Amino acid sequence: MYPPHDLRERLWSVLDPIEGSDAAHRAALPPDTRPASVVVPILTSAPSPRVVFTRRTATLSRHAGEISFPGGLADDGEDLSSAALREVEEELGIAPADVELVGVLPSVHTHVSAILIVPFVGLLATDPRFTPNEAEIDSVLEFPLEDLMTVGAEREWEWEGHRFRTWVYDMDGEVIWGATALILQSLVGRLRP
C-alpha cells in the first residue's frame, strides 16, 4: 500500500484536476438533474491510510440508513468543491482548511433521484475529532484503504423491490453499495498498480 506521501503523489497522477471541473460537470448536467458533490475523505496520519464514510440516519427522506460519503446538493451559484467542503463541515464538523482536495473522480448520475454527484478526493493529515450532525449522520465509519482494494465485487443487488447490478463492498457486515460503491470502485481502480 502507498505511504501517505506516495499516496498523495499517486492521487495527483490519476485524478482529474479540480481546476475547471465545476464548469465541466455543470455543462454535462442532463436535463432536470441537480448537481451535488461529495468528499472521499482519506486519513493519512497512520502508515495505513483509512477511508471515512458516514451512515445516514434512518429518519432522512432520501437514502436513509445507507453508508455514504459526506456531501450533498450544491446551493445555487455555489461551486461544487466549495459545496463538498461545506457539507463535510456540516455533517462531520471538519473545517474546510483541514481537508486537502487533491483531485476529482468521474461523476456518478443517480437516475432515480436525478442527481449528478461529483466526487472530490480529500486528504486529512491528522485524525479529526468528528462531531457528526445528529439529524443527518448516525455514525462515522473508517476502513483501511488496503482492505477496500481487495473486497469489492460487482453483483446482483435488490433494493425496495428492484434488482440491479452494482458494486458491493462488504466490510464485516457494513455494506457499501450503489453510488457510494461506484465512487469507491472508481478510486480503488485508479490506485491499483
N, C-alpha and C. Protein backbone atom coordinates (compact mmCIF):
# COMPACT_ATOMS: atom_id res chain seq x y z
N MET A 1 0.85 -1.19 0.00
CA MET A 1 0.00 0.00 0.00
C MET A 1 0.88 1.23 0.00
N TYR A 2 0.31 2.34 -0.40
CA TYR A 2 1.07 3.58 -0.53
C TYR A 2 1.25 4.25 0.83
N PRO A 3 2.49 4.63 1.21
CA PRO A 3 2.65 5.52 2.37
C PRO A 3 2.00 6.86 2.04
N PRO A 4 1.65 7.67 3.08
CA PRO A 4 0.91 8.91 2.82
C PRO A 4 1.49 9.81 1.74
N HIS A 5 2.80 10.04 1.72
CA HIS A 5 3.38 10.92 0.70
C HIS A 5 3.22 10.31 -0.69
N ASP A 6 3.49 9.01 -0.81
CA ASP A 6 3.34 8.34 -2.10
C ASP A 6 1.88 8.32 -2.54
N LEU A 7 0.95 8.17 -1.59
CA LEU A 7 -0.47 8.17 -1.93
C LEU A 7 -0.87 9.52 -2.53
N ARG A 8 -0.43 10.61 -1.93
CA ARG A 8 -0.73 11.95 -2.46
C ARG A 8 -0.23 12.06 -3.90
N GLU A 9 1.03 11.65 -4.13
CA GLU A 9 1.61 11.73 -5.48
C GLU A 9 0.81 10.87 -6.46
N ARG A 10 0.45 9.67 -6.03
CA ARG A 10 -0.30 8.76 -6.90
C ARG A 10 -1.67 9.36 -7.24
N LEU A 11 -2.35 9.91 -6.23
CA LEU A 11 -3.66 10.52 -6.48
C LEU A 11 -3.56 11.67 -7.45
N TRP A 12 -2.57 12.54 -7.28
CA TRP A 12 -2.39 13.65 -8.21
C TRP A 12 -2.22 13.15 -9.65
N SER A 13 -1.58 11.99 -9.79
CA SER A 13 -1.31 11.49 -11.15
C SER A 13 -2.51 10.77 -11.78
N VAL A 14 -3.47 10.30 -10.97
CA VAL A 14 -4.57 9.50 -11.54
C VAL A 14 -5.94 10.19 -11.47
N LEU A 15 -6.03 11.31 -10.74
CA LEU A 15 -7.31 12.01 -10.63
C LEU A 15 -7.36 13.18 -11.60
N ASP A 16 -8.58 13.57 -11.95
CA ASP A 16 -8.76 14.77 -12.77
C ASP A 16 -8.46 15.98 -11.90
N PRO A 17 -7.92 17.05 -12.50
CA PRO A 17 -7.64 18.25 -11.71
C PRO A 17 -8.93 18.95 -11.28
N ILE A 18 -8.85 19.65 -10.16
CA ILE A 18 -10.02 20.37 -9.64
C ILE A 18 -10.31 21.59 -10.48
N GLU A 19 -9.27 22.28 -10.95
CA GLU A 19 -9.46 23.48 -11.75
C GLU A 19 -10.29 23.17 -13.00
N GLY A 20 -11.34 23.91 -13.18
CA GLY A 20 -12.20 23.73 -14.35
C GLY A 20 -13.23 22.64 -14.21
N SER A 21 -13.17 21.85 -13.13
CA SER A 21 -14.10 20.73 -13.00
C SER A 21 -15.53 21.19 -12.78
N ASP A 22 -15.71 22.33 -12.09
CA ASP A 22 -17.06 22.80 -11.81
C ASP A 22 -17.80 23.10 -13.11
N ALA A 23 -17.20 23.88 -13.97
CA ALA A 23 -17.84 24.24 -15.23
C ALA A 23 -18.06 23.02 -16.11
N ALA A 24 -17.08 22.12 -16.13
CA ALA A 24 -17.20 20.92 -16.97
C ALA A 24 -18.35 20.03 -16.50
N HIS A 25 -18.47 19.84 -15.18
CA HIS A 25 -19.54 18.99 -14.68
C HIS A 25 -20.91 19.65 -14.84
N ARG A 26 -20.98 20.95 -14.62
CA ARG A 26 -22.27 21.64 -14.81
C ARG A 26 -22.69 21.59 -16.28
N ALA A 27 -21.74 21.67 -17.20
CA ALA A 27 -22.06 21.59 -18.63
C ALA A 27 -22.58 20.20 -19.00
N ALA A 28 -22.16 19.18 -18.23
CA ALA A 28 -22.56 17.81 -18.51
C ALA A 28 -23.86 17.41 -17.81
N LEU A 29 -24.51 18.35 -17.11
CA LEU A 29 -25.74 18.03 -16.40
C LEU A 29 -26.85 17.65 -17.37
N PRO A 30 -27.40 16.44 -17.24
CA PRO A 30 -28.56 16.10 -18.05
C PRO A 30 -29.75 17.00 -17.66
N PRO A 31 -30.73 17.15 -18.54
CA PRO A 31 -31.90 17.97 -18.20
C PRO A 31 -32.57 17.47 -16.92
N ASP A 32 -33.09 18.41 -16.13
CA ASP A 32 -33.81 18.11 -14.89
C ASP A 32 -32.96 17.34 -13.88
N THR A 33 -31.65 17.57 -13.90
CA THR A 33 -30.74 16.92 -12.96
C THR A 33 -30.09 18.00 -12.11
N ARG A 34 -29.97 17.72 -10.82
CA ARG A 34 -29.37 18.68 -9.89
C ARG A 34 -27.93 18.27 -9.58
N PRO A 35 -27.02 19.26 -9.45
CA PRO A 35 -25.63 18.94 -9.12
C PRO A 35 -25.43 18.75 -7.61
N ALA A 36 -24.61 17.78 -7.27
CA ALA A 36 -24.22 17.53 -5.89
C ALA A 36 -22.75 17.16 -5.88
N SER A 37 -22.15 17.24 -4.71
CA SER A 37 -20.75 16.83 -4.61
C SER A 37 -20.51 16.17 -3.27
N VAL A 38 -19.51 15.31 -3.26
CA VAL A 38 -19.10 14.63 -2.03
C VAL A 38 -17.59 14.72 -1.90
N VAL A 39 -17.12 14.49 -0.69
CA VAL A 39 -15.69 14.32 -0.46
C VAL A 39 -15.46 12.87 -0.08
N VAL A 40 -14.47 12.26 -0.71
CA VAL A 40 -13.98 10.94 -0.31
C VAL A 40 -12.82 11.22 0.63
N PRO A 41 -13.09 11.23 1.96
CA PRO A 41 -12.03 11.61 2.91
C PRO A 41 -11.09 10.44 3.18
N ILE A 42 -9.79 10.71 3.06
CA ILE A 42 -8.78 9.69 3.35
C ILE A 42 -7.88 10.21 4.46
N LEU A 43 -7.85 9.48 5.57
CA LEU A 43 -6.99 9.83 6.70
C LEU A 43 -5.59 9.29 6.43
N THR A 44 -4.60 10.16 6.48
CA THR A 44 -3.23 9.76 6.14
C THR A 44 -2.27 9.86 7.32
N SER A 45 -2.81 10.00 8.53
CA SER A 45 -1.95 10.18 9.71
C SER A 45 -1.24 8.90 10.13
N ALA A 46 -1.77 7.75 9.78
CA ALA A 46 -1.16 6.47 10.15
C ALA A 46 -0.46 5.88 8.92
N PRO A 47 0.42 4.88 9.13
CA PRO A 47 1.10 4.27 7.97
C PRO A 47 0.13 3.65 6.96
N SER A 48 -1.05 3.22 7.43
CA SER A 48 -2.05 2.63 6.54
C SER A 48 -3.23 3.60 6.40
N PRO A 49 -3.39 4.26 5.25
CA PRO A 49 -4.48 5.22 5.07
C PRO A 49 -5.85 4.57 5.25
N ARG A 50 -6.80 5.36 5.79
CA ARG A 50 -8.16 4.89 6.03
C ARG A 50 -9.15 5.83 5.33
N VAL A 51 -10.22 5.24 4.81
CA VAL A 51 -11.26 6.00 4.13
C VAL A 51 -12.43 6.17 5.11
N VAL A 52 -12.97 7.39 5.14
CA VAL A 52 -14.06 7.73 6.06
C VAL A 52 -15.39 7.70 5.31
N PHE A 53 -16.39 7.09 5.94
CA PHE A 53 -17.75 7.03 5.42
C PHE A 53 -18.70 7.50 6.52
N THR A 54 -19.91 7.82 6.14
CA THR A 54 -20.96 8.11 7.12
C THR A 54 -22.11 7.14 6.92
N ARG A 55 -22.79 6.82 8.02
CA ARG A 55 -24.06 6.09 7.91
C ARG A 55 -25.14 7.14 8.16
N ARG A 56 -26.00 7.30 7.17
CA ARG A 56 -27.07 8.28 7.27
C ARG A 56 -28.13 7.82 8.28
N THR A 57 -28.79 8.77 8.94
CA THR A 57 -29.81 8.41 9.92
C THR A 57 -30.99 7.76 9.23
N ALA A 58 -31.73 6.98 9.98
CA ALA A 58 -32.90 6.27 9.45
C ALA A 58 -34.08 7.20 9.19
N THR A 59 -34.00 8.44 9.65
CA THR A 59 -35.14 9.36 9.53
C THR A 59 -35.05 10.26 8.29
N LEU A 60 -33.97 10.17 7.53
CA LEU A 60 -33.84 11.02 6.35
C LEU A 60 -34.79 10.58 5.24
N SER A 61 -35.23 11.54 4.43
CA SER A 61 -36.19 11.22 3.36
C SER A 61 -35.54 10.49 2.19
N ARG A 62 -34.23 10.69 1.98
CA ARG A 62 -33.53 10.03 0.88
C ARG A 62 -32.36 9.23 1.43
N HIS A 63 -32.21 8.00 0.95
CA HIS A 63 -31.07 7.15 1.28
C HIS A 63 -30.90 6.92 2.78
N ALA A 64 -32.01 6.82 3.48
CA ALA A 64 -31.98 6.62 4.93
C ALA A 64 -31.22 5.34 5.30
N GLY A 65 -30.34 5.45 6.29
CA GLY A 65 -29.61 4.31 6.81
C GLY A 65 -28.47 3.82 5.95
N GLU A 66 -28.27 4.42 4.79
CA GLU A 66 -27.23 3.95 3.87
C GLU A 66 -25.85 4.51 4.26
N ILE A 67 -24.82 3.80 3.82
CA ILE A 67 -23.45 4.26 4.00
C ILE A 67 -23.11 5.15 2.81
N SER A 68 -22.53 6.31 3.10
CA SER A 68 -22.24 7.27 2.04
C SER A 68 -20.97 8.05 2.36
N PHE A 69 -20.58 8.89 1.42
CA PHE A 69 -19.53 9.87 1.66
C PHE A 69 -20.20 11.16 2.08
N PRO A 70 -19.54 11.99 2.89
CA PRO A 70 -20.15 13.27 3.24
C PRO A 70 -20.30 14.15 2.00
N GLY A 71 -21.48 14.76 1.88
CA GLY A 71 -21.74 15.61 0.74
C GLY A 71 -23.21 15.90 0.58
N GLY A 72 -23.55 16.61 -0.48
CA GLY A 72 -24.95 16.93 -0.73
C GLY A 72 -25.10 17.86 -1.91
N LEU A 73 -26.30 18.37 -2.07
CA LEU A 73 -26.62 19.24 -3.19
C LEU A 73 -25.88 20.57 -3.08
N ALA A 74 -25.49 21.09 -4.23
CA ALA A 74 -24.86 22.42 -4.28
C ALA A 74 -25.95 23.47 -4.24
N ASP A 75 -25.69 24.54 -3.49
CA ASP A 75 -26.61 25.68 -3.48
C ASP A 75 -26.49 26.42 -4.81
N ASP A 76 -27.52 27.19 -5.16
CA ASP A 76 -27.49 27.98 -6.39
C ASP A 76 -26.26 28.88 -6.40
N GLY A 77 -25.49 28.81 -7.48
CA GLY A 77 -24.31 29.65 -7.64
C GLY A 77 -23.07 29.17 -6.88
N GLU A 78 -23.17 28.09 -6.14
CA GLU A 78 -22.04 27.57 -5.35
C GLU A 78 -21.22 26.61 -6.21
N ASP A 79 -19.89 26.78 -6.21
CA ASP A 79 -19.09 25.83 -6.98
C ASP A 79 -19.06 24.50 -6.22
N LEU A 80 -18.84 23.43 -6.97
CA LEU A 80 -19.01 22.08 -6.42
C LEU A 80 -17.97 21.72 -5.37
N SER A 81 -16.73 22.18 -5.52
CA SER A 81 -15.73 21.88 -4.48
C SER A 81 -16.07 22.59 -3.18
N SER A 82 -16.56 23.82 -3.26
CA SER A 82 -16.99 24.54 -2.06
C SER A 82 -18.18 23.85 -1.40
N ALA A 83 -19.11 23.36 -2.23
CA ALA A 83 -20.27 22.65 -1.69
C ALA A 83 -19.82 21.39 -0.95
N ALA A 84 -18.87 20.67 -1.53
CA ALA A 84 -18.38 19.44 -0.89
C ALA A 84 -17.74 19.74 0.47
N LEU A 85 -16.91 20.77 0.51
CA LEU A 85 -16.25 21.14 1.77
C LEU A 85 -17.26 21.67 2.79
N ARG A 86 -18.25 22.41 2.34
CA ARG A 86 -19.31 22.89 3.24
C ARG A 86 -20.04 21.72 3.87
N GLU A 87 -20.36 20.72 3.06
CA GLU A 87 -21.08 19.55 3.56
C GLU A 87 -20.23 18.75 4.56
N VAL A 88 -18.93 18.63 4.31
CA VAL A 88 -18.06 17.92 5.26
C VAL A 88 -18.09 18.62 6.62
N GLU A 89 -18.09 19.94 6.58
CA GLU A 89 -18.15 20.68 7.85
C GLU A 89 -19.51 20.52 8.51
N GLU A 90 -20.60 20.62 7.73
CA GLU A 90 -21.94 20.50 8.30
C GLU A 90 -22.21 19.10 8.84
N GLU A 91 -21.75 18.07 8.13
CA GLU A 91 -22.05 16.70 8.53
C GLU A 91 -21.10 16.14 9.58
N LEU A 92 -19.81 16.51 9.50
CA LEU A 92 -18.81 15.89 10.38
C LEU A 92 -18.07 16.88 11.27
N GLY A 93 -18.28 18.16 11.08
CA GLY A 93 -17.58 19.15 11.89
C GLY A 93 -16.12 19.34 11.53
N ILE A 94 -15.75 18.97 10.31
CA ILE A 94 -14.36 19.12 9.85
C ILE A 94 -14.23 20.44 9.10
N ALA A 95 -13.34 21.29 9.55
CA ALA A 95 -13.13 22.59 8.90
C ALA A 95 -12.59 22.39 7.49
N PRO A 96 -13.08 23.16 6.52
CA PRO A 96 -12.59 23.04 5.14
C PRO A 96 -11.07 23.16 5.04
N ALA A 97 -10.45 23.98 5.88
CA ALA A 97 -8.99 24.16 5.84
C ALA A 97 -8.24 22.89 6.22
N ASP A 98 -8.92 21.94 6.88
CA ASP A 98 -8.27 20.69 7.29
C ASP A 98 -8.32 19.61 6.22
N VAL A 99 -9.01 19.89 5.11
CA VAL A 99 -9.16 18.91 4.03
C VAL A 99 -8.39 19.40 2.82
N GLU A 100 -7.43 18.61 2.37
CA GLU A 100 -6.66 18.94 1.16
C GLU A 100 -7.30 18.22 -0.03
N LEU A 101 -8.03 18.94 -0.85
CA LEU A 101 -8.62 18.34 -2.05
C LEU A 101 -7.51 18.12 -3.06
N VAL A 102 -7.37 16.86 -3.53
CA VAL A 102 -6.26 16.54 -4.43
C VAL A 102 -6.71 16.21 -5.85
N GLY A 103 -8.00 16.08 -6.07
CA GLY A 103 -8.48 15.80 -7.42
C GLY A 103 -9.93 15.36 -7.42
N VAL A 104 -10.41 15.05 -8.63
CA VAL A 104 -11.81 14.72 -8.85
C VAL A 104 -11.91 13.37 -9.55
N LEU A 105 -12.87 12.57 -9.12
CA LEU A 105 -13.21 11.31 -9.79
C LEU A 105 -14.34 11.56 -10.78
N PRO A 106 -14.58 10.65 -11.72
CA PRO A 106 -15.70 10.83 -12.65
C PRO A 106 -17.02 10.94 -11.89
N SER A 107 -17.90 11.76 -12.41
CA SER A 107 -19.20 11.95 -11.76
C SER A 107 -20.06 10.70 -11.91
N VAL A 108 -21.03 10.59 -11.00
CA VAL A 108 -21.97 9.47 -10.98
C VAL A 108 -23.38 10.06 -11.07
N HIS A 109 -24.15 9.59 -12.03
CA HIS A 109 -25.52 10.07 -12.19
C HIS A 109 -26.46 9.08 -11.52
N THR A 110 -27.23 9.57 -10.55
CA THR A 110 -28.24 8.72 -9.91
C THR A 110 -29.56 8.97 -10.63
N HIS A 111 -29.95 8.02 -11.44
CA HIS A 111 -31.12 8.19 -12.29
C HIS A 111 -32.41 8.28 -11.48
N VAL A 112 -32.50 7.53 -10.39
CA VAL A 112 -33.72 7.52 -9.59
C VAL A 112 -33.97 8.88 -8.96
N SER A 113 -32.93 9.48 -8.39
CA SER A 113 -33.10 10.78 -7.73
C SER A 113 -32.69 11.96 -8.61
N ALA A 114 -32.25 11.70 -9.84
CA ALA A 114 -31.88 12.75 -10.82
C ALA A 114 -30.85 13.72 -10.25
N ILE A 115 -29.75 13.15 -9.74
CA ILE A 115 -28.66 13.95 -9.18
C ILE A 115 -27.36 13.52 -9.85
N LEU A 116 -26.53 14.49 -10.21
CA LEU A 116 -25.19 14.22 -10.71
C LEU A 116 -24.22 14.48 -9.57
N ILE A 117 -23.57 13.42 -9.08
CA ILE A 117 -22.66 13.52 -7.95
C ILE A 117 -21.23 13.66 -8.46
N VAL A 118 -20.55 14.72 -8.03
CA VAL A 118 -19.16 14.95 -8.39
C VAL A 118 -18.32 14.63 -7.15
N PRO A 119 -17.48 13.58 -7.22
CA PRO A 119 -16.68 13.18 -6.06
C PRO A 119 -15.28 13.81 -6.05
N PHE A 120 -14.97 14.52 -4.98
CA PHE A 120 -13.65 15.09 -4.75
C PHE A 120 -12.93 14.22 -3.74
N VAL A 121 -11.66 13.94 -3.98
CA VAL A 121 -10.87 13.16 -3.03
C VAL A 121 -10.13 14.15 -2.14
N GLY A 122 -10.28 13.95 -0.83
CA GLY A 122 -9.67 14.86 0.13
C GLY A 122 -8.81 14.12 1.14
N LEU A 123 -7.62 14.64 1.40
CA LEU A 123 -6.71 14.04 2.38
C LEU A 123 -6.78 14.83 3.68
N LEU A 124 -6.73 14.10 4.79
CA LEU A 124 -6.67 14.70 6.12
C LEU A 124 -5.40 14.21 6.78
N ALA A 125 -4.48 15.13 7.07
CA ALA A 125 -3.16 14.76 7.60
C ALA A 125 -3.21 14.37 9.06
N THR A 126 -4.21 14.83 9.79
CA THR A 126 -4.37 14.45 11.19
C THR A 126 -5.76 13.88 11.39
N ASP A 127 -5.89 12.97 12.34
CA ASP A 127 -7.21 12.40 12.62
C ASP A 127 -8.08 13.47 13.26
N PRO A 128 -9.21 13.80 12.63
CA PRO A 128 -10.06 14.85 13.19
C PRO A 128 -10.89 14.33 14.35
N ARG A 129 -11.40 15.25 15.12
CA ARG A 129 -12.40 14.92 16.14
C ARG A 129 -13.74 15.10 15.44
N PHE A 130 -14.35 14.00 15.04
CA PHE A 130 -15.63 14.06 14.33
C PHE A 130 -16.73 14.54 15.28
N THR A 131 -17.54 15.45 14.80
CA THR A 131 -18.73 15.89 15.53
C THR A 131 -19.91 15.76 14.57
N PRO A 132 -20.44 14.53 14.43
CA PRO A 132 -21.49 14.29 13.45
C PRO A 132 -22.76 15.09 13.74
N ASN A 133 -23.37 15.58 12.68
CA ASN A 133 -24.66 16.24 12.76
C ASN A 133 -25.70 15.15 13.04
N GLU A 134 -26.27 15.16 14.23
CA GLU A 134 -27.17 14.07 14.65
C GLU A 134 -28.43 13.96 13.81
N ALA A 135 -28.84 15.04 13.16
CA ALA A 135 -30.03 14.98 12.31
C ALA A 135 -29.77 14.22 11.01
N GLU A 136 -28.50 14.15 10.59
CA GLU A 136 -28.17 13.52 9.31
C GLU A 136 -27.31 12.28 9.44
N ILE A 137 -26.41 12.25 10.42
CA ILE A 137 -25.39 11.20 10.49
C ILE A 137 -25.60 10.33 11.72
N ASP A 138 -25.81 9.04 11.48
CA ASP A 138 -25.97 8.08 12.57
C ASP A 138 -24.62 7.69 13.15
N SER A 139 -23.64 7.45 12.26
CA SER A 139 -22.31 7.05 12.73
C SER A 139 -21.26 7.34 11.67
N VAL A 140 -20.01 7.38 12.12
CA VAL A 140 -18.87 7.58 11.24
C VAL A 140 -18.11 6.27 11.18
N LEU A 141 -17.77 5.84 9.97
CA LEU A 141 -17.07 4.57 9.77
C LEU A 141 -15.73 4.84 9.10
N GLU A 142 -14.72 4.07 9.48
CA GLU A 142 -13.40 4.15 8.85
C GLU A 142 -12.97 2.75 8.45
N PHE A 143 -12.50 2.62 7.21
CA PHE A 143 -12.00 1.33 6.74
C PHE A 143 -10.63 1.52 6.09
N PRO A 144 -9.70 0.60 6.34
CA PRO A 144 -8.38 0.71 5.70
C PRO A 144 -8.52 0.67 4.17
N LEU A 145 -7.85 1.59 3.51
CA LEU A 145 -7.87 1.64 2.06
C LEU A 145 -7.39 0.33 1.46
N GLU A 146 -6.38 -0.26 2.06
CA GLU A 146 -5.85 -1.52 1.57
C GLU A 146 -6.91 -2.62 1.58
N ASP A 147 -7.74 -2.68 2.62
CA ASP A 147 -8.81 -3.68 2.68
C ASP A 147 -9.87 -3.40 1.62
N LEU A 148 -10.23 -2.14 1.44
CA LEU A 148 -11.23 -1.78 0.45
C LEU A 148 -10.79 -2.16 -0.96
N MET A 149 -9.48 -2.17 -1.19
CA MET A 149 -8.96 -2.51 -2.52
C MET A 149 -9.10 -3.98 -2.85
N THR A 150 -9.43 -4.81 -1.84
CA THR A 150 -9.49 -6.25 -2.08
C THR A 150 -10.88 -6.86 -1.96
N VAL A 151 -11.87 -6.14 -1.40
CA VAL A 151 -13.15 -6.79 -1.11
C VAL A 151 -14.28 -6.47 -2.08
N GLY A 152 -14.14 -5.48 -2.91
CA GLY A 152 -15.24 -5.09 -3.79
C GLY A 152 -15.55 -6.13 -4.84
N ALA A 153 -16.85 -6.27 -5.14
CA ALA A 153 -17.28 -7.20 -6.18
C ALA A 153 -18.55 -6.66 -6.82
N GLU A 154 -18.67 -6.86 -8.11
CA GLU A 154 -19.91 -6.48 -8.79
C GLU A 154 -20.87 -7.64 -8.69
N ARG A 155 -22.11 -7.34 -8.26
CA ARG A 155 -23.08 -8.42 -8.11
C ARG A 155 -24.51 -7.90 -8.20
N GLU A 156 -25.45 -8.85 -8.26
CA GLU A 156 -26.87 -8.50 -8.27
C GLU A 156 -27.25 -7.99 -6.89
N TRP A 157 -28.06 -6.95 -6.85
CA TRP A 157 -28.47 -6.35 -5.60
C TRP A 157 -29.96 -6.05 -5.68
N GLU A 158 -30.66 -6.23 -4.58
CA GLU A 158 -32.08 -5.90 -4.55
C GLU A 158 -32.32 -4.82 -3.51
N TRP A 159 -33.07 -3.79 -3.91
CA TRP A 159 -33.38 -2.69 -3.01
C TRP A 159 -34.79 -2.20 -3.32
N GLU A 160 -35.65 -2.23 -2.32
CA GLU A 160 -37.03 -1.77 -2.45
C GLU A 160 -37.73 -2.39 -3.65
N GLY A 161 -37.54 -3.70 -3.82
CA GLY A 161 -38.22 -4.45 -4.87
C GLY A 161 -37.59 -4.38 -6.25
N HIS A 162 -36.48 -3.67 -6.40
CA HIS A 162 -35.80 -3.56 -7.70
C HIS A 162 -34.49 -4.34 -7.64
N ARG A 163 -34.21 -5.08 -8.72
CA ARG A 163 -32.95 -5.82 -8.83
C ARG A 163 -32.08 -5.13 -9.86
N PHE A 164 -30.78 -5.00 -9.54
CA PHE A 164 -29.85 -4.36 -10.45
C PHE A 164 -28.44 -4.80 -10.09
N ARG A 165 -27.50 -4.56 -11.03
CA ARG A 165 -26.10 -4.88 -10.79
C ARG A 165 -25.42 -3.64 -10.21
N THR A 166 -24.61 -3.85 -9.20
CA THR A 166 -23.87 -2.75 -8.60
C THR A 166 -22.61 -3.30 -7.95
N TRP A 167 -21.67 -2.42 -7.69
CA TRP A 167 -20.52 -2.80 -6.89
C TRP A 167 -20.95 -2.86 -5.44
N VAL A 168 -20.42 -3.83 -4.72
CA VAL A 168 -20.74 -4.02 -3.31
C VAL A 168 -19.44 -4.26 -2.56
N TYR A 169 -19.30 -3.57 -1.43
CA TYR A 169 -18.16 -3.74 -0.53
C TYR A 169 -18.73 -4.14 0.82
N ASP A 170 -18.51 -5.40 1.21
CA ASP A 170 -18.99 -5.89 2.50
C ASP A 170 -17.82 -5.87 3.47
N MET A 171 -17.87 -4.93 4.39
CA MET A 171 -16.81 -4.76 5.38
C MET A 171 -17.31 -5.28 6.73
N ASP A 172 -17.23 -6.60 6.91
CA ASP A 172 -17.69 -7.23 8.16
C ASP A 172 -19.12 -6.84 8.49
N GLY A 173 -20.00 -6.93 7.51
CA GLY A 173 -21.42 -6.65 7.72
C GLY A 173 -21.82 -5.22 7.45
N GLU A 174 -20.88 -4.32 7.30
CA GLU A 174 -21.18 -2.94 6.89
C GLU A 174 -21.10 -2.92 5.37
N VAL A 175 -22.26 -2.80 4.72
CA VAL A 175 -22.32 -2.98 3.27
C VAL A 175 -22.42 -1.63 2.55
N ILE A 176 -21.45 -1.40 1.69
CA ILE A 176 -21.39 -0.19 0.86
C ILE A 176 -21.84 -0.61 -0.53
N TRP A 177 -22.83 0.10 -1.09
CA TRP A 177 -23.36 -0.26 -2.40
C TRP A 177 -23.85 1.01 -3.10
N GLY A 178 -24.38 0.86 -4.30
CA GLY A 178 -24.97 1.98 -5.04
C GLY A 178 -23.93 3.01 -5.48
N ALA A 179 -24.34 4.28 -5.46
CA ALA A 179 -23.47 5.36 -5.93
C ALA A 179 -22.18 5.43 -5.12
N THR A 180 -22.25 5.21 -3.82
CA THR A 180 -21.05 5.25 -2.98
C THR A 180 -20.07 4.16 -3.41
N ALA A 181 -20.57 2.98 -3.69
CA ALA A 181 -19.70 1.89 -4.14
C ALA A 181 -19.12 2.17 -5.52
N LEU A 182 -19.88 2.80 -6.40
CA LEU A 182 -19.35 3.16 -7.73
C LEU A 182 -18.21 4.17 -7.60
N ILE A 183 -18.38 5.15 -6.72
CA ILE A 183 -17.33 6.14 -6.49
C ILE A 183 -16.10 5.45 -5.90
N LEU A 184 -16.32 4.57 -4.92
CA LEU A 184 -15.21 3.85 -4.30
C LEU A 184 -14.49 2.98 -5.32
N GLN A 185 -15.23 2.29 -6.18
CA GLN A 185 -14.61 1.44 -7.19
C GLN A 185 -13.77 2.28 -8.15
N SER A 186 -14.26 3.47 -8.48
CA SER A 186 -13.50 4.37 -9.35
C SER A 186 -12.17 4.74 -8.70
N LEU A 187 -12.19 5.00 -7.40
CA LEU A 187 -10.97 5.34 -6.68
C LEU A 187 -10.01 4.16 -6.62
N VAL A 188 -10.48 3.02 -6.14
CA VAL A 188 -9.54 1.90 -5.97
C VAL A 188 -9.03 1.37 -7.31
N GLY A 189 -9.86 1.48 -8.35
CA GLY A 189 -9.40 1.08 -9.68
C GLY A 189 -8.23 1.92 -10.16
N ARG A 190 -8.23 3.20 -9.82
CA ARG A 190 -7.14 4.08 -10.21
C ARG A 190 -5.89 3.87 -9.37
N LEU A 191 -6.06 3.36 -8.15
CA LEU A 191 -4.90 3.17 -7.28
C LEU A 191 -4.21 1.83 -7.45
N ARG A 192 -4.88 0.89 -8.12
CA ARG A 192 -4.24 -0.42 -8.32
C ARG A 192 -3.04 -0.25 -9.25
N PRO A 193 -1.96 -0.98 -8.96
CA PRO A 193 -0.76 -0.86 -9.83
C PRO A 193 -1.03 -1.39 -11.22
